[in-house]
Amino acid sequence: MKISLLFLLVLISQIIYPQGFPINFDSDSLRDAEKNLEKWNGKLIAIRGIVKEIKKAHQDKPYFLIELANENSEEKEIWVGSLVNAENKEKQQSLKVGLVIRVLGFFTTELDDLAKDLCNCNYHLIGMCILFEDEKAGFYAPPAWEQCEEWQNGIIVEPPLE
């Protein structure tokens, strides 16, 4: 009984998409998140957008602005802090303004002082997996390897519903 209940919880907590690196958050989602920060805080989201600006954060990790778009709405922007470590420094350096990328990470309202200074915002995305669309390659934070692999296989594991 416990095993089947656990299996059911795991099954309910993930969404399987037909293609790899799916997106579950766009400019309309961001509008909703701005009105309901508590509801979105801590949620695992995947975005697609264009890099508009890049700054340096802790340990020279990129902190970048992504423009999200929907076909039927105006663009919105979100800042992304990278958890990727120095082992992927070469890939980090290939992050350029104008690139179309996808990012999997956690939406959070918990910003340290540096992030607040860099983005002048009250939320951002902590990016664990970053995909360069043109190259079909990217980089990830080693502790998030399993989540990145699931995302590549079309699965986004959602946090349990409250």
Protein backbone atom coordinates (compact mmCIF):
# COMPACT_ATOMS: atom_id res chain seq x y z
CA MET A 1 0.00 0.00 0.00
CA LYS A 2 2.80 2.44 0.93
CA ILE A 3 4.68 1.70 -2.29
CA SER A 4 1.65 2.29 -4.51
CA LEU A 5 0.85 5.52 -2.65
CA LEU A 6 4.43 6.71 -3.10
CA PHE A 7 4.31 5.80 -6.81
CA LEU A 8 1.03 7.73 -7.16
CA LEU A 9 2.57 10.80 -5.48
CA VAL A 10 5.59 10.68 -7.79
CA LEU A 11 3.35 10.24 -10.82
CA ILE A 12 1.15 13.18 -9.80
CA SER A 13 4.13 15.41 -9.05
CA GLN A 14 5.60 15.29 -12.54
CA ILE A 15 4.38 16.35 -15.93
CA ILE A 16 5.63 14.49 -18.99
CA TYR A 17 5.91 16.55 -22.15
CA PRO A 18 6.16 15.18 -25.71
CA GLN A 19 9.54 16.79 -26.40
CA GLY A 20 12.71 17.37 -24.44
CA PHE A 21 13.45 20.61 -22.60
CA PRO A 22 9.78 21.65 -22.23
CA ILE A 23 8.68 25.11 -21.09
CA ASN A 24 6.10 25.62 -18.35
CA PHE A 25 6.48 29.35 -17.68
CA ASP A 26 6.04 32.28 -20.10
CA SER A 27 5.25 35.99 -19.99
CA ASP A 28 1.64 35.32 -18.96
CA SER A 29 2.90 33.10 -16.13
CA LEU A 30 5.25 35.88 -15.03
CA ARG A 31 2.37 38.35 -14.92
CA ASP A 32 0.52 35.94 -12.64
CA ALA A 33 3.64 35.38 -10.51
CA GLU A 34 4.09 39.14 -10.03
CA LYS A 35 0.56 39.27 -8.56
CA ASN A 36 0.99 36.08 -6.49
CA LEU A 37 4.64 35.95 -5.40
CA GLU A 38 3.94 33.64 -2.45
CA LYS A 39 2.18 31.11 -4.70
CA TRP A 40 5.12 30.96 -7.12
CA ASN A 41 8.00 31.19 -4.64
CA GLY A 42 10.01 27.96 -4.75
CA LYS A 43 8.32 26.54 -7.87
CA LEU A 44 10.42 24.67 -10.41
CA ILE A 45 9.94 26.40 -13.74
CA ALA A 46 11.36 26.19 -17.24
CA ILE A 47 11.59 29.26 -19.46
CA ARG A 48 12.57 30.10 -23.02
CA GLY A 49 13.74 33.51 -24.08
CA ILE A 50 16.37 35.83 -25.44
CA VAL A 51 19.35 36.97 -23.37
CA LYS A 52 19.09 40.76 -23.12
CA GLU A 53 21.82 41.63 -20.60
CA ILE A 54 24.58 39.83 -18.69
CA LYS A 55 26.21 40.84 -15.42
CA LYS A 56 28.67 39.05 -13.14
CA ALA A 57 27.57 37.72 -9.76
CA HIS A 58 29.30 35.61 -7.10
CA GLN A 59 32.46 33.85 -8.31
CA ASP A 60 32.01 35.45 -11.76
CA LYS A 61 28.90 33.38 -12.43
CA PRO A 62 26.59 34.99 -14.98
CA TYR A 63 23.51 36.86 -13.80
CA PHE A 64 21.43 37.56 -16.86
CA LEU A 65 18.19 39.10 -18.03
CA ILE A 66 15.89 36.97 -20.20
CA GLU A 67 13.08 38.37 -22.31
CA LEU A 68 10.11 35.99 -22.31
CA ALA A 69 7.47 36.24 -25.00
CA ASN A 70 4.11 34.79 -25.91
CA GLU A 71 2.61 34.94 -29.35
CA ASN A 72 -0.44 36.77 -28.01
CA SER A 73 1.08 39.01 -25.35
CA GLU A 74 3.79 41.52 -24.74
CA GLU A 75 7.23 40.53 -23.58
CA LYS A 76 8.21 40.30 -19.94
CA GLU A 77 11.69 39.99 -18.46
CA ILE A 78 13.13 37.92 -15.62
CA TRP A 79 16.62 37.85 -14.13
CA VAL A 80 18.38 34.50 -13.85
CA GLY A 81 21.15 33.65 -11.42
CA SER A 82 23.28 30.68 -12.44
CA LEU A 83 24.16 27.89 -10.01
CA VAL A 84 26.61 26.48 -12.53
CA ASN A 85 30.11 26.13 -11.13
CA ALA A 86 33.57 26.94 -12.48
CA GLU A 87 33.91 23.52 -14.17
CA ASN A 88 31.55 24.87 -16.83
CA LYS A 89 33.31 28.23 -17.16
CA GLU A 90 33.97 27.77 -20.89
CA LYS A 91 30.24 27.22 -21.55
CA GLN A 92 29.33 30.13 -19.28
CA GLN A 93 31.56 32.38 -21.37
CA SER A 94 29.63 31.39 -24.50
CA LEU A 95 26.49 32.93 -23.00
CA LYS A 96 25.99 36.05 -25.11
CA VAL A 97 23.38 38.77 -25.51
CA GLY A 98 20.94 37.83 -28.27
CA LEU A 99 21.10 34.05 -27.74
CA VAL A 100 17.88 32.08 -27.43
CA ILE A 101 18.15 29.84 -24.39
CA ARG A 102 16.05 27.65 -22.14
CA VAL A 103 16.54 27.56 -18.39
CA LEU A 104 15.24 25.19 -15.72
CA GLY A 105 15.35 26.51 -12.18
CA PHE A 106 13.51 27.74 -9.13
CA PHE A 107 11.47 30.93 -9.06
CA THR A 108 12.33 32.67 -5.80
CA THR A 109 11.68 35.86 -3.90
CA GLU A 110 14.72 35.24 -1.70
CA LEU A 111 17.48 37.44 -3.10
CA ASP A 112 20.78 38.24 -1.45
CA ASP A 113 22.09 41.81 -1.40
CA LEU A 114 24.17 41.37 -4.55
CA ALA A 115 21.19 40.06 -6.54
CA LYS A 116 19.04 42.94 -5.29
CA ASP A 117 21.71 45.40 -6.42
CA LEU A 118 22.18 43.75 -9.81
CA CYS A 119 18.55 43.37 -10.80
CA ASN A 120 16.65 45.92 -8.71
CA CYS A 121 13.83 43.36 -8.44
CA ASN A 122 12.03 41.30 -5.80
CA TYR A 123 12.17 37.90 -7.54
CA HIS A 124 14.38 35.98 -9.94
CA LEU A 125 15.07 32.50 -11.27
CA ILE A 126 17.87 30.36 -9.85
CA GLY A 127 19.02 28.51 -12.99
CA MET A 128 20.27 24.95 -12.62
CA CYS A 129 20.14 23.81 -16.26
CA ILE A 130 20.81 26.10 -19.22
CA LEU A 131 20.34 25.03 -22.84
CA PHE A 132 21.61 26.99 -25.85
CA GLU A 133 18.88 26.33 -28.42
CA ASP A 134 21.02 26.82 -31.52
CA GLU A 135 23.68 24.39 -30.33
CA LYS A 136 21.35 21.93 -28.55
CA ALA A 137 23.99 22.00 -25.82
CA GLY A 138 24.32 23.71 -22.50
CA PHE A 139 25.52 23.38 -18.95
CA TYR A 140 24.12 22.44 -15.58
CA ALA A 141 24.85 22.63 -11.87
CA PRO A 142 26.21 19.19 -10.85
CA PRO A 143 23.81 18.74 -7.89
CA ALA A 144 20.92 19.17 -10.34
CA TRP A 145 22.10 16.56 -12.84
CA GLU A 146 19.05 14.30 -12.34
CA GLN A 147 16.57 17.15 -12.75
CA CYS A 148 18.39 18.34 -15.88
CA GLU A 149 18.34 14.84 -17.33
CA GLU A 150 14.61 14.52 -16.59
CA TRP A 151 14.02 17.89 -18.24
CA GLN A 152 15.96 16.71 -21.30
CA ASN A 153 13.63 13.69 -21.41
CA GLY A 154 10.51 15.89 -21.29
CA ILE A 155 9.79 15.72 -17.55
CA ILE A 156 9.50 18.60 -15.13
CA VAL A 157 9.11 17.40 -11.57
CA GLU A 158 6.71 19.82 -9.95
CA PRO A 159 6.85 20.59 -6.23
CA PRO A 160 3.88 19.08 -4.34
CA LEU A 161 0.71 21.16 -4.49
CA GLU A 162 -0.15 23.03 -1.32
